[in-house]
């Protein structure tokens, strides 16, 4: 785990005026250490090894808060049960998700199209963030190989 990333995230939580709870700190630590996006259930299983009283609802509430703070991103927005979460930190990126095996592949930042920016401005809409996911079949699941 990068202590620098954790320190940056904890500072961001404080700067946003959010409470710095042991559960939030633990969730961030788990996600920073993770090699791949994790489900809320996987995060919960990891936490209860050290904090047995933490409920799955507490994990979901904290994931929502951390997502709104821009520190965590939710991968697989179509279904809460199959959603996975990852540390977003300062490196914004997007995902390609396989519809068959649910594998998620990180892809770099997709520049917004000038037409989208123009339409948002015309509608008086100020974007605060975005999520971009591409759904298809990964190399392992494609039948045309």
C-alpha atoms as a PDB file:
ATOM      1  CA  UNK A   1       0.000   0.000   0.000  1.00  0.00           C
ATOM      2  CA  UNK A   2       1.207   3.433  -0.788  1.00  0.00           C
ATOM      3  CA  UNK A   3       1.231   5.411   2.435  1.00  0.00           C
ATOM      4  CA  UNK A   4       1.374   8.568   0.318  1.00  0.00           C
ATOM      5  CA  UNK A   5      -1.909   7.652  -1.433  1.00  0.00           C
ATOM      6  CA  UNK A   6      -3.581   6.867   1.879  1.00  0.00           C
ATOM      7  CA  UNK A   7      -2.356  10.146   3.414  1.00  0.00           C
ATOM      8  CA  UNK A   8      -3.603  12.080   0.357  1.00  0.00           C
ATOM      9  CA  UNK A   9      -7.019  10.398   0.605  1.00  0.00           C
ATOM     10  CA  UNK A  10      -7.347  11.009   4.346  1.00  0.00           C
ATOM     11  CA  UNK A  11      -6.457  14.671   3.828  1.00  0.00           C
ATOM     12  CA  UNK A  12      -9.074  14.933   1.075  1.00  0.00           C
ATOM     13  CA  UNK A  13     -11.710  13.460   3.410  1.00  0.00           C
ATOM     14  CA  UNK A  14     -10.854  16.032   6.080  1.00  0.00           C
ATOM     15  CA  UNK A  15     -10.747  18.881   3.517  1.00  0.00           C
ATOM     16  CA  UNK A  16     -14.280  17.944   2.387  1.00  0.00           C
ATOM     17  CA  UNK A  17     -15.469  18.220   5.982  1.00  0.00           C
ATOM     18  CA  UNK A  18     -16.210  14.496   6.266  1.00  0.00           C
ATOM     19  CA  UNK A  19     -15.596  12.471   9.399  1.00  0.00           C
ATOM     20  CA  UNK A  20     -12.477  10.351   9.328  1.00  0.00           C
ATOM     21  CA  UNK A  21     -13.790   7.088  10.759  1.00  0.00           C
ATOM     22  CA  UNK A  22     -11.832   3.862  11.282  1.00  0.00           C
ATOM     23  CA  UNK A  23     -14.158   2.152   8.774  1.00  0.00           C
ATOM     24  CA  UNK A  24     -13.443   4.735   6.050  1.00  0.00           C
ATOM     25  CA  UNK A  25      -9.725   4.496   6.674  1.00  0.00           C
ATOM     26  CA  UNK A  26      -9.882   0.691   6.508  1.00  0.00           C
ATOM     27  CA  UNK A  27     -11.929   0.677   3.277  1.00  0.00           C
ATOM     28  CA  UNK A  28      -9.475   3.059   1.633  1.00  0.00           C
ATOM     29  CA  UNK A  29      -6.522   0.949   2.793  1.00  0.00           C
ATOM     30  CA  UNK A  30      -8.108  -2.202   1.368  1.00  0.00           C
ATOM     31  CA  UNK A  31      -8.879  -0.560  -1.981  1.00  0.00           C
ATOM     32  CA  UNK A  32      -5.434   1.034  -2.298  1.00  0.00           C
ATOM     33  CA  UNK A  33      -3.831  -2.375  -1.715  1.00  0.00           C
ATOM     34  CA  UNK A  34      -6.171  -4.246  -4.063  1.00  0.00           C
ATOM     35  CA  UNK A  35      -4.813  -5.498  -7.370  1.00  0.00           C
ATOM     36  CA  UNK A  36      -8.282  -5.393  -8.969  1.00  0.00           C
ATOM     37  CA  UNK A  37     -11.689  -3.838  -8.240  1.00  0.00           C
ATOM     38  CA  UNK A  38     -13.470  -5.472  -5.283  1.00  0.00           C
ATOM     39  CA  UNK A  39     -17.136  -6.065  -4.504  1.00  0.00           C
ATOM     40  CA  UNK A  40     -18.658  -4.607  -1.349  1.00  0.00           C
ATOM     41  CA  UNK A  41     -18.897  -8.166  -0.007  1.00  0.00           C
ATOM     42  CA  UNK A  42     -15.178  -8.746  -0.587  1.00  0.00           C
ATOM     43  CA  UNK A  43     -14.343  -5.478   1.163  1.00  0.00           C
ATOM     44  CA  UNK A  44     -16.649  -6.435   4.036  1.00  0.00           C
ATOM     45  CA  UNK A  45     -14.990  -9.852   4.417  1.00  0.00           C
ATOM     46  CA  UNK A  46     -11.624  -8.129   4.557  1.00  0.00           C
ATOM     47  CA  UNK A  47     -12.732  -5.584   7.169  1.00  0.00           C
ATOM     48  CA  UNK A  48     -14.426  -7.991   9.582  1.00  0.00           C
ATOM     49  CA  UNK A  49     -11.135  -9.801  10.078  1.00  0.00           C
ATOM     50  CA  UNK A  50      -9.960  -6.686  11.967  1.00  0.00           C
ATOM     51  CA  UNK A  51     -13.257  -4.991  12.861  1.00  0.00           C
ATOM     52  CA  UNK A  52     -15.884  -7.735  13.392  1.00  0.00           C
ATOM     53  CA  UNK A  53     -18.699  -5.313  14.285  1.00  0.00           C
ATOM     54  CA  UNK A  54     -18.707  -3.567  10.878  1.00  0.00           C
ATOM     55  CA  UNK A  55     -21.844  -4.397   8.874  1.00  0.00           C
ATOM     56  CA  UNK A  56     -22.200  -4.721   5.110  1.00  0.00           C
ATOM     57  CA  UNK A  57     -24.553  -1.700   5.189  1.00  0.00           C
ATOM     58  CA  UNK A  58     -21.754   0.341   6.786  1.00  0.00           C
ATOM     59  CA  UNK A  59     -19.436  -0.708   3.961  1.00  0.00           C
ATOM     60  CA  UNK A  60     -22.017   0.344   1.336  1.00  0.00           C
ATOM     61  CA  UNK A  61     -22.638   3.709   3.050  1.00  0.00           C
ATOM     62  CA  UNK A  62     -18.911   4.433   3.204  1.00  0.00           C
ATOM     63  CA  UNK A  63     -18.366   3.351  -0.406  1.00  0.00           C
ATOM     64  CA  UNK A  64     -21.090   5.790  -1.461  1.00  0.00           C
ATOM     65  CA  UNK A  65     -19.434   8.603   0.506  1.00  0.00           C
ATOM     66  CA  UNK A  66     -15.969   7.783  -0.856  1.00  0.00           C
ATOM     67  CA  UNK A  67     -17.358   7.602  -4.400  1.00  0.00           C
ATOM     68  CA  UNK A  68     -19.039  11.002  -4.017  1.00  0.00           C
ATOM     69  CA  UNK A  69     -15.737  12.377  -2.690  1.00  0.00           C
ATOM     70  CA  UNK A  70     -14.016  11.181  -5.881  1.00  0.00           C
ATOM     71  CA  UNK A  71     -11.669   8.773  -4.095  1.00  0.00           C
ATOM     72  CA  UNK A  72     -13.372   5.560  -5.165  1.00  0.00           C
ATOM     73  CA  UNK A  73     -15.022   4.613  -8.423  1.00  0.00           C
ATOM     74  CA  UNK A  74     -17.757   2.069  -8.977  1.00  0.00           C
ATOM     75  CA  UNK A  75     -17.174  -0.329 -11.847  1.00  0.00           C
ATOM     76  CA  UNK A  76     -20.242  -1.986 -13.337  1.00  0.00           C
ATOM     77  CA  UNK A  77     -22.981   0.571 -12.809  1.00  0.00           C
ATOM     78  CA  UNK A  78     -25.762  -1.563 -14.250  1.00  0.00           C
ATOM     79  CA  UNK A  79     -26.276  -3.770 -11.200  1.00  0.00           C
ATOM     80  CA  UNK A  80     -25.547  -3.018  -7.538  1.00  0.00           C
ATOM     81  CA  UNK A  81     -24.966  -6.700  -6.746  1.00  0.00           C
ATOM     82  CA  UNK A  82     -22.277  -7.101  -9.399  1.00  0.00           C
ATOM     83  CA  UNK A  83     -20.731  -3.655  -8.854  1.00  0.00           C
ATOM     84  CA  UNK A  84     -17.080  -3.526  -7.932  1.00  0.00           C
ATOM     85  CA  UNK A  85     -15.151  -0.664  -6.389  1.00  0.00           C
ATOM     86  CA  UNK A  86     -11.623   0.566  -6.808  1.00  0.00           C
ATOM     87  CA  UNK A  87      -9.420   3.313  -5.496  1.00  0.00           C
ATOM     88  CA  UNK A  88      -9.570   6.184  -7.950  1.00  0.00           C
ATOM     89  CA  UNK A  89      -7.086   8.475  -6.273  1.00  0.00           C
ATOM     90  CA  UNK A  90      -5.645  11.056  -8.582  1.00  0.00           C
ATOM     91  CA  UNK A  91      -5.559   8.816 -11.668  1.00  0.00           C
ATOM     92  CA  UNK A  92      -8.964   9.105 -13.344  1.00  0.00           C
ATOM     93  CA  UNK A  93      -9.648   6.322 -15.823  1.00  0.00           C
ATOM     94  CA  UNK A  94     -12.474   4.285 -17.324  1.00  0.00           C
ATOM     95  CA  UNK A  95     -13.337   0.615 -17.833  1.00  0.00           C
ATOM     96  CA  UNK A  96     -14.212  -1.942 -20.458  1.00  0.00           C
ATOM     97  CA  UNK A  97     -16.388  -4.676 -18.923  1.00  0.00           C
ATOM     98  CA  UNK A  98     -16.979  -8.139 -20.346  1.00  0.00           C
ATOM     99  CA  UNK A  99     -20.675  -9.000 -20.461  1.00  0.00           C
ATOM    100  CA  UNK A 100     -19.958 -12.728 -20.173  1.00  0.00           C
ATOM    101  CA  UNK A 101     -17.324 -13.139 -17.435  1.00  0.00           C
ATOM    102  CA  UNK A 102     -17.660  -9.615 -15.889  1.00  0.00           C
ATOM    103  CA  UNK A 103     -13.893  -9.021 -16.111  1.00  0.00           C
ATOM    104  CA  UNK A 104     -13.035  -5.333 -15.996  1.00  0.00           C
ATOM    105  CA  UNK A 105     -10.136  -3.791 -17.898  1.00  0.00           C
ATOM    106  CA  UNK A 106      -8.860  -0.308 -17.115  1.00  0.00           C
ATOM    107  CA  UNK A 107      -8.626   2.081 -20.047  1.00  0.00           C
ATOM    108  CA  UNK A 108      -7.168   5.561 -19.961  1.00  0.00           C
ATOM    109  CA  UNK A 109      -8.970   8.879 -19.818  1.00  0.00           C
ATOM    110  CA  UNK A 110     -11.358   9.429 -22.696  1.00  0.00           C
ATOM    111  CA  UNK A 111     -11.372  13.078 -23.731  1.00  0.00           C
ATOM    112  CA  UNK A 112     -14.810  14.535 -23.814  1.00  0.00           C
ATOM    113  CA  UNK A 113     -16.168  15.374 -27.206  1.00  0.00           C
ATOM    114  CA  UNK A 114     -16.565  19.093 -27.989  1.00  0.00           C
ATOM    115  CA  UNK A 115     -20.224  18.426 -28.917  1.00  0.00           C
ATOM    116  CA  UNK A 116     -20.963  17.077 -25.440  1.00  0.00           C
ATOM    117  CA  UNK A 117     -19.373  20.093 -23.771  1.00  0.00           C
ATOM    118  CA  UNK A 118     -21.344  22.431 -26.055  1.00  0.00           C
ATOM    119  CA  UNK A 119     -24.647  20.685 -25.271  1.00  0.00           C
ATOM    120  CA  UNK A 120     -23.987  20.718 -21.531  1.00  0.00           C
ATOM    121  CA  UNK A 121     -23.175  24.426 -21.636  1.00  0.00           C
ATOM    122  CA  UNK A 122     -26.321  25.168 -23.678  1.00  0.00           C
ATOM    123  CA  UNK A 123     -28.409  23.282 -21.123  1.00  0.00           C
ATOM    124  CA  UNK A 124     -26.821  25.270 -18.293  1.00  0.00           C
ATOM    125  CA  UNK A 125     -25.430  22.066 -16.835  1.00  0.00           C
ATOM    126  CA  UNK A 126     -22.145  22.113 -14.942  1.00  0.00           C
ATOM    127  CA  UNK A 127     -20.688  18.592 -14.830  1.00  0.00           C
ATOM    128  CA  UNK A 128     -19.079  17.572 -11.553  1.00  0.00           C
ATOM    129  CA  UNK A 129     -17.798  14.215 -12.736  1.00  0.00           C
ATOM    130  CA  UNK A 130     -18.510  11.394 -15.121  1.00  0.00           C
ATOM    131  CA  UNK A 131     -18.307   7.661 -15.587  1.00  0.00           C
ATOM    132  CA  UNK A 132     -17.591   5.952 -18.868  1.00  0.00           C
ATOM    133  CA  UNK A 133     -17.929   2.190 -19.297  1.00  0.00           C
ATOM    134  CA  UNK A 134     -17.679   0.141 -22.462  1.00  0.00           C
ATOM    135  CA  UNK A 135     -19.530  -3.198 -22.477  1.00  0.00           C
ATOM    136  CA  UNK A 136     -18.563  -6.057 -24.756  1.00  0.00           C
ATOM    137  CA  UNK A 137     -16.678  -9.352 -24.758  1.00  0.00           C
ATOM    138  CA  UNK A 138     -13.104  -9.769 -23.586  1.00  0.00           C
ATOM    139  CA  UNK A 139     -10.498 -11.707 -25.584  1.00  0.00           C
ATOM    140  CA  UNK A 140     -11.106 -14.862 -23.501  1.00  0.00           C
ATOM    141  CA  UNK A 141     -14.895 -14.830 -24.073  1.00  0.00           C
ATOM    142  CA  UNK A 142     -15.046 -13.873 -27.755  1.00  0.00           C
ATOM    143  CA  UNK A 143     -16.126 -16.699 -30.024  1.00  0.00           C
ATOM    144  CA  UNK A 144     -14.565 -15.265 -33.181  1.00  0.00           C
ATOM    145  CA  UNK A 145     -10.982 -16.067 -32.247  1.00  0.00           C
END
